[in-house]
Amino acid sequence: RRDVFAFANTSGGIIVLGVKEKKGQFHFDGLEGTQIEKYKKDFWNGVNNPSTISNNLLRNEDVKEYSIEGKNVLAFNIPPAERKQKPVYLRSEEHT
């Protein structure tokens, strides 16, 4: 989740699950359908919980599944927070 906050507080970015880096090269290792559903469920439960996150910026269209080279990956497009929405942070860290 920290990557989400870092991207949201800067210029945004994309997080892709199902890709590995080895020696500077990226390889699609893919995700099973059950993994994708679990990751999506866990992600949405986390970002939609106001006691966990200060501000959820994502919409349904920001989370997409793709098939690349026959492998399934899950991509999260993290939009940049507007000035009035910053900082985006974990509420549990608010008091640490």
N, C-alpha and C. Protein backbone atom coordinates (compact mmCIF):
# COMPACT_ATOMS: atom_id res chain seq x y z
N ARG A 1 0.81 -1.21 0.00
CA ARG A 1 0.00 0.00 0.00
C ARG A 1 0.85 1.27 0.00
N ARG A 2 2.04 1.19 0.52
CA ARG A 2 2.88 2.39 0.57
C ARG A 2 3.16 2.94 -0.83
N ASP A 3 3.26 2.05 -1.82
CA ASP A 3 3.48 2.52 -3.19
C ASP A 3 2.31 3.38 -3.66
N VAL A 4 1.10 2.99 -3.28
CA VAL A 4 -0.09 3.76 -3.65
C VAL A 4 0.04 5.18 -3.13
N PHE A 5 0.44 5.33 -1.88
CA PHE A 5 0.55 6.66 -1.28
C PHE A 5 1.67 7.46 -1.92
N ALA A 6 2.79 6.81 -2.18
CA ALA A 6 3.91 7.51 -2.81
C ALA A 6 3.51 8.04 -4.19
N PHE A 7 2.84 7.21 -4.99
CA PHE A 7 2.40 7.65 -6.31
C PHE A 7 1.35 8.76 -6.20
N ALA A 8 0.39 8.58 -5.30
CA ALA A 8 -0.69 9.57 -5.15
C ALA A 8 -0.15 10.92 -4.71
N ASN A 9 0.87 10.93 -3.88
CA ASN A 9 1.42 12.18 -3.36
C ASN A 9 2.42 12.82 -4.31
N THR A 10 2.75 12.14 -5.41
CA THR A 10 3.66 12.74 -6.40
C THR A 10 2.90 12.89 -7.72
N SER A 11 3.38 12.27 -8.78
CA SER A 11 2.73 12.47 -10.09
C SER A 11 1.94 11.26 -10.56
N GLY A 12 1.62 10.34 -9.66
CA GLY A 12 0.86 9.16 -10.04
C GLY A 12 1.77 8.07 -10.57
N GLY A 13 1.17 6.92 -10.93
CA GLY A 13 1.96 5.83 -11.46
C GLY A 13 1.12 4.59 -11.64
N ILE A 14 1.75 3.52 -12.09
CA ILE A 14 1.06 2.26 -12.33
C ILE A 14 1.78 1.15 -11.58
N ILE A 15 1.00 0.36 -10.85
CA ILE A 15 1.51 -0.81 -10.16
C ILE A 15 0.99 -2.02 -10.92
N VAL A 16 1.89 -2.93 -11.31
CA VAL A 16 1.49 -4.12 -12.06
C VAL A 16 1.88 -5.35 -11.25
N LEU A 17 0.90 -6.21 -10.99
CA LEU A 17 1.15 -7.48 -10.30
C LEU A 17 1.15 -8.60 -11.34
N GLY A 18 2.09 -9.53 -11.19
CA GLY A 18 2.21 -10.62 -12.16
C GLY A 18 3.42 -10.45 -13.04
N VAL A 19 4.34 -9.56 -12.63
CA VAL A 19 5.56 -9.30 -13.38
C VAL A 19 6.73 -9.43 -12.41
N LYS A 20 7.80 -10.07 -12.86
CA LYS A 20 9.01 -10.19 -12.05
C LYS A 20 10.18 -9.54 -12.77
N GLU A 21 11.09 -9.00 -11.98
CA GLU A 21 12.31 -8.43 -12.54
C GLU A 21 13.48 -9.33 -12.18
N LYS A 22 14.28 -9.66 -13.16
CA LYS A 22 15.47 -10.48 -12.94
C LYS A 22 16.59 -9.91 -13.79
N LYS A 23 17.65 -9.47 -13.12
CA LYS A 23 18.82 -8.91 -13.80
C LYS A 23 18.43 -7.77 -14.74
N GLY A 24 17.54 -6.90 -14.29
CA GLY A 24 17.15 -5.73 -15.06
C GLY A 24 16.15 -6.00 -16.17
N GLN A 25 15.70 -7.23 -16.30
CA GLN A 25 14.72 -7.60 -17.32
C GLN A 25 13.40 -7.95 -16.64
N PHE A 26 12.31 -7.53 -17.25
CA PHE A 26 10.99 -7.83 -16.71
C PHE A 26 10.40 -9.03 -17.44
N HIS A 27 9.80 -9.92 -16.67
CA HIS A 27 9.19 -11.13 -17.21
C HIS A 27 7.78 -11.26 -16.67
N PHE A 28 6.86 -11.65 -17.54
CA PHE A 28 5.48 -11.86 -17.12
C PHE A 28 5.37 -13.27 -16.56
N ASP A 29 5.14 -13.38 -15.25
CA ASP A 29 4.94 -14.71 -14.68
C ASP A 29 3.46 -15.00 -14.47
N GLY A 30 2.65 -13.96 -14.51
CA GLY A 30 1.20 -14.12 -14.49
C GLY A 30 0.60 -14.41 -13.13
N LEU A 31 -0.71 -14.28 -13.08
CA LEU A 31 -1.48 -14.53 -11.87
C LEU A 31 -2.64 -15.46 -12.22
N GLU A 32 -3.01 -16.31 -11.29
CA GLU A 32 -4.19 -17.15 -11.44
C GLU A 32 -5.42 -16.29 -11.19
N GLY A 33 -6.55 -16.71 -11.74
CA GLY A 33 -7.80 -15.97 -11.56
C GLY A 33 -8.16 -15.76 -10.09
N THR A 34 -7.92 -16.78 -9.26
CA THR A 34 -8.23 -16.65 -7.83
C THR A 34 -7.32 -15.61 -7.16
N GLN A 35 -6.05 -15.54 -7.60
CA GLN A 35 -5.14 -14.53 -7.05
C GLN A 35 -5.62 -13.14 -7.42
N ILE A 36 -6.01 -12.96 -8.68
CA ILE A 36 -6.47 -11.65 -9.14
C ILE A 36 -7.68 -11.21 -8.32
N GLU A 37 -8.64 -12.09 -8.14
CA GLU A 37 -9.84 -11.73 -7.37
C GLU A 37 -9.49 -11.40 -5.93
N LYS A 38 -8.58 -12.15 -5.32
CA LYS A 38 -8.17 -11.87 -3.94
C LYS A 38 -7.46 -10.53 -3.85
N TYR A 39 -6.53 -10.26 -4.77
CA TYR A 39 -5.81 -8.98 -4.75
C TYR A 39 -6.78 -7.81 -4.92
N LYS A 40 -7.72 -7.95 -5.84
CA LYS A 40 -8.69 -6.87 -6.06
C LYS A 40 -9.55 -6.66 -4.82
N LYS A 41 -10.05 -7.74 -4.24
CA LYS A 41 -10.89 -7.64 -3.04
C LYS A 41 -10.11 -7.00 -1.89
N ASP A 42 -8.90 -7.48 -1.64
CA ASP A 42 -8.08 -6.91 -0.55
C ASP A 42 -7.77 -5.44 -0.80
N PHE A 43 -7.45 -5.12 -2.05
CA PHE A 43 -7.13 -3.74 -2.40
C PHE A 43 -8.32 -2.81 -2.13
N TRP A 44 -9.49 -3.18 -2.69
CA TRP A 44 -10.67 -2.33 -2.52
C TRP A 44 -11.11 -2.23 -1.07
N ASN A 45 -11.01 -3.34 -0.33
CA ASN A 45 -11.35 -3.28 1.10
C ASN A 45 -10.45 -2.30 1.83
N GLY A 46 -9.17 -2.28 1.47
CA GLY A 46 -8.23 -1.36 2.11
C GLY A 46 -8.45 0.09 1.75
N VAL A 47 -8.56 0.40 0.47
CA VAL A 47 -8.66 1.80 0.06
C VAL A 47 -10.04 2.40 0.29
N ASN A 48 -11.06 1.56 0.46
CA ASN A 48 -12.40 2.09 0.73
C ASN A 48 -12.71 2.18 2.22
N ASN A 49 -11.75 1.86 3.05
CA ASN A 49 -11.94 1.90 4.49
C ASN A 49 -11.44 3.24 5.02
N PRO A 50 -12.34 4.16 5.40
CA PRO A 50 -11.91 5.48 5.85
C PRO A 50 -11.10 5.47 7.14
N SER A 51 -11.15 4.36 7.89
CA SER A 51 -10.32 4.30 9.10
C SER A 51 -8.90 3.83 8.77
N THR A 52 -8.67 3.42 7.52
CA THR A 52 -7.36 2.95 7.10
C THR A 52 -6.61 3.97 6.25
N ILE A 53 -7.30 4.61 5.33
CA ILE A 53 -6.66 5.51 4.37
C ILE A 53 -7.30 6.90 4.45
N SER A 54 -6.49 7.91 4.28
CA SER A 54 -6.99 9.28 4.39
C SER A 54 -7.89 9.68 3.23
N ASN A 55 -7.62 9.14 2.02
CA ASN A 55 -8.37 9.56 0.85
C ASN A 55 -8.20 8.53 -0.26
N ASN A 56 -9.30 7.91 -0.71
CA ASN A 56 -9.24 6.98 -1.82
C ASN A 56 -9.44 7.75 -3.12
N LEU A 57 -8.44 7.72 -3.99
CA LEU A 57 -8.49 8.44 -5.26
C LEU A 57 -8.89 7.55 -6.43
N LEU A 58 -8.90 6.23 -6.23
CA LEU A 58 -9.12 5.31 -7.34
C LEU A 58 -10.58 5.06 -7.64
N ARG A 59 -10.83 4.79 -8.92
CA ARG A 59 -12.15 4.41 -9.40
C ARG A 59 -12.05 3.01 -9.99
N ASN A 60 -13.17 2.38 -10.26
CA ASN A 60 -13.16 1.02 -10.81
C ASN A 60 -12.32 0.93 -12.08
N GLU A 61 -12.39 1.94 -12.92
CA GLU A 61 -11.64 1.89 -14.19
C GLU A 61 -10.13 2.03 -14.01
N ASP A 62 -9.68 2.31 -12.79
CA ASP A 62 -8.24 2.40 -12.51
C ASP A 62 -7.62 1.04 -12.21
N VAL A 63 -8.44 0.00 -12.10
CA VAL A 63 -7.94 -1.35 -11.82
C VAL A 63 -8.36 -2.24 -12.98
N LYS A 64 -7.36 -2.78 -13.70
CA LYS A 64 -7.66 -3.56 -14.91
C LYS A 64 -6.84 -4.83 -14.96
N GLU A 65 -7.43 -5.84 -15.56
CA GLU A 65 -6.75 -7.09 -15.83
C GLU A 65 -6.33 -7.10 -17.30
N TYR A 66 -5.14 -7.64 -17.55
CA TYR A 66 -4.64 -7.75 -18.92
C TYR A 66 -4.06 -9.14 -19.12
N SER A 67 -4.09 -9.60 -20.35
CA SER A 67 -3.40 -10.83 -20.73
C SER A 67 -2.25 -10.41 -21.64
N ILE A 68 -1.03 -10.67 -21.18
CA ILE A 68 0.16 -10.29 -21.93
C ILE A 68 1.02 -11.53 -22.09
N GLU A 69 1.36 -11.84 -23.32
CA GLU A 69 2.16 -13.03 -23.62
C GLU A 69 1.53 -14.28 -22.99
N GLY A 70 0.20 -14.32 -22.99
CA GLY A 70 -0.52 -15.46 -22.45
C GLY A 70 -0.58 -15.52 -20.93
N LYS A 71 -0.11 -14.48 -20.26
CA LYS A 71 -0.11 -14.42 -18.79
C LYS A 71 -1.05 -13.32 -18.34
N ASN A 72 -1.77 -13.57 -17.27
CA ASN A 72 -2.69 -12.57 -16.70
C ASN A 72 -1.96 -11.70 -15.69
N VAL A 73 -2.13 -10.40 -15.84
CA VAL A 73 -1.55 -9.44 -14.89
C VAL A 73 -2.65 -8.50 -14.42
N LEU A 74 -2.41 -7.87 -13.30
CA LEU A 74 -3.36 -6.93 -12.72
C LEU A 74 -2.66 -5.59 -12.58
N ALA A 75 -3.27 -4.54 -13.12
CA ALA A 75 -2.66 -3.21 -13.12
C ALA A 75 -3.53 -2.22 -12.36
N PHE A 76 -2.88 -1.43 -11.52
CA PHE A 76 -3.53 -0.37 -10.75
C PHE A 76 -2.97 0.96 -11.22
N ASN A 77 -3.81 1.79 -11.81
CA ASN A 77 -3.41 3.12 -12.22
C ASN A 77 -3.67 4.06 -11.04
N ILE A 78 -2.61 4.56 -10.44
CA ILE A 78 -2.74 5.42 -9.27
C ILE A 78 -2.66 6.88 -9.75
N PRO A 79 -3.77 7.60 -9.68
CA PRO A 79 -3.75 8.99 -10.13
C PRO A 79 -3.07 9.88 -9.09
N PRO A 80 -2.51 10.99 -9.53
CA PRO A 80 -1.93 11.91 -8.56
C PRO A 80 -3.04 12.61 -7.78
N ALA A 81 -2.79 12.82 -6.51
CA ALA A 81 -3.76 13.55 -5.67
C ALA A 81 -3.70 15.03 -6.03
N GLU A 82 -4.85 15.66 -5.99
CA GLU A 82 -4.90 17.11 -6.18
C GLU A 82 -4.35 17.76 -4.92
N ARG A 83 -3.94 18.97 -5.02
CA ARG A 83 -3.32 19.68 -3.90
C ARG A 83 -4.16 19.62 -2.64
N LYS A 84 -5.47 19.81 -2.76
CA LYS A 84 -6.34 19.82 -1.59
C LYS A 84 -6.56 18.42 -1.00
N GLN A 85 -6.18 17.36 -1.74
CA GLN A 85 -6.34 15.99 -1.26
C GLN A 85 -5.08 15.47 -0.55
N LYS A 86 -3.99 16.18 -0.66
CA LYS A 86 -2.71 15.74 -0.09
C LYS A 86 -2.59 16.15 1.37
N PRO A 87 -1.85 15.41 2.15
CA PRO A 87 -1.19 14.16 1.80
C PRO A 87 -2.15 12.99 1.90
N VAL A 88 -1.91 11.97 1.09
CA VAL A 88 -2.64 10.71 1.18
C VAL A 88 -1.76 9.80 2.05
N TYR A 89 -2.35 9.20 3.07
CA TYR A 89 -1.54 8.41 4.02
C TYR A 89 -2.38 7.34 4.69
N LEU A 90 -1.69 6.38 5.31
CA LEU A 90 -2.33 5.36 6.13
C LEU A 90 -2.72 6.01 7.45
N ARG A 91 -3.94 5.90 7.83
CA ARG A 91 -4.38 6.49 9.10
C ARG A 91 -3.71 5.85 10.30
N SER A 92 -3.36 4.56 10.21
CA SER A 92 -2.72 3.90 11.33
C SER A 92 -1.34 4.50 11.62
N GLU A 93 -0.74 5.17 10.62
CA GLU A 93 0.55 5.81 10.80
C GLU A 93 0.42 7.25 11.27
N GLU A 94 -0.80 7.74 11.31
CA GLU A 94 -1.05 9.13 11.64
C GLU A 94 -0.52 9.50 13.02
N HIS A 95 -0.54 8.54 13.94
CA HIS A 95 -0.14 8.83 15.32
C HIS A 95 1.21 8.25 15.68
N THR A 96 2.01 7.82 14.68
CA THR A 96 3.30 7.24 15.01
C THR A 96 4.41 8.24 14.83
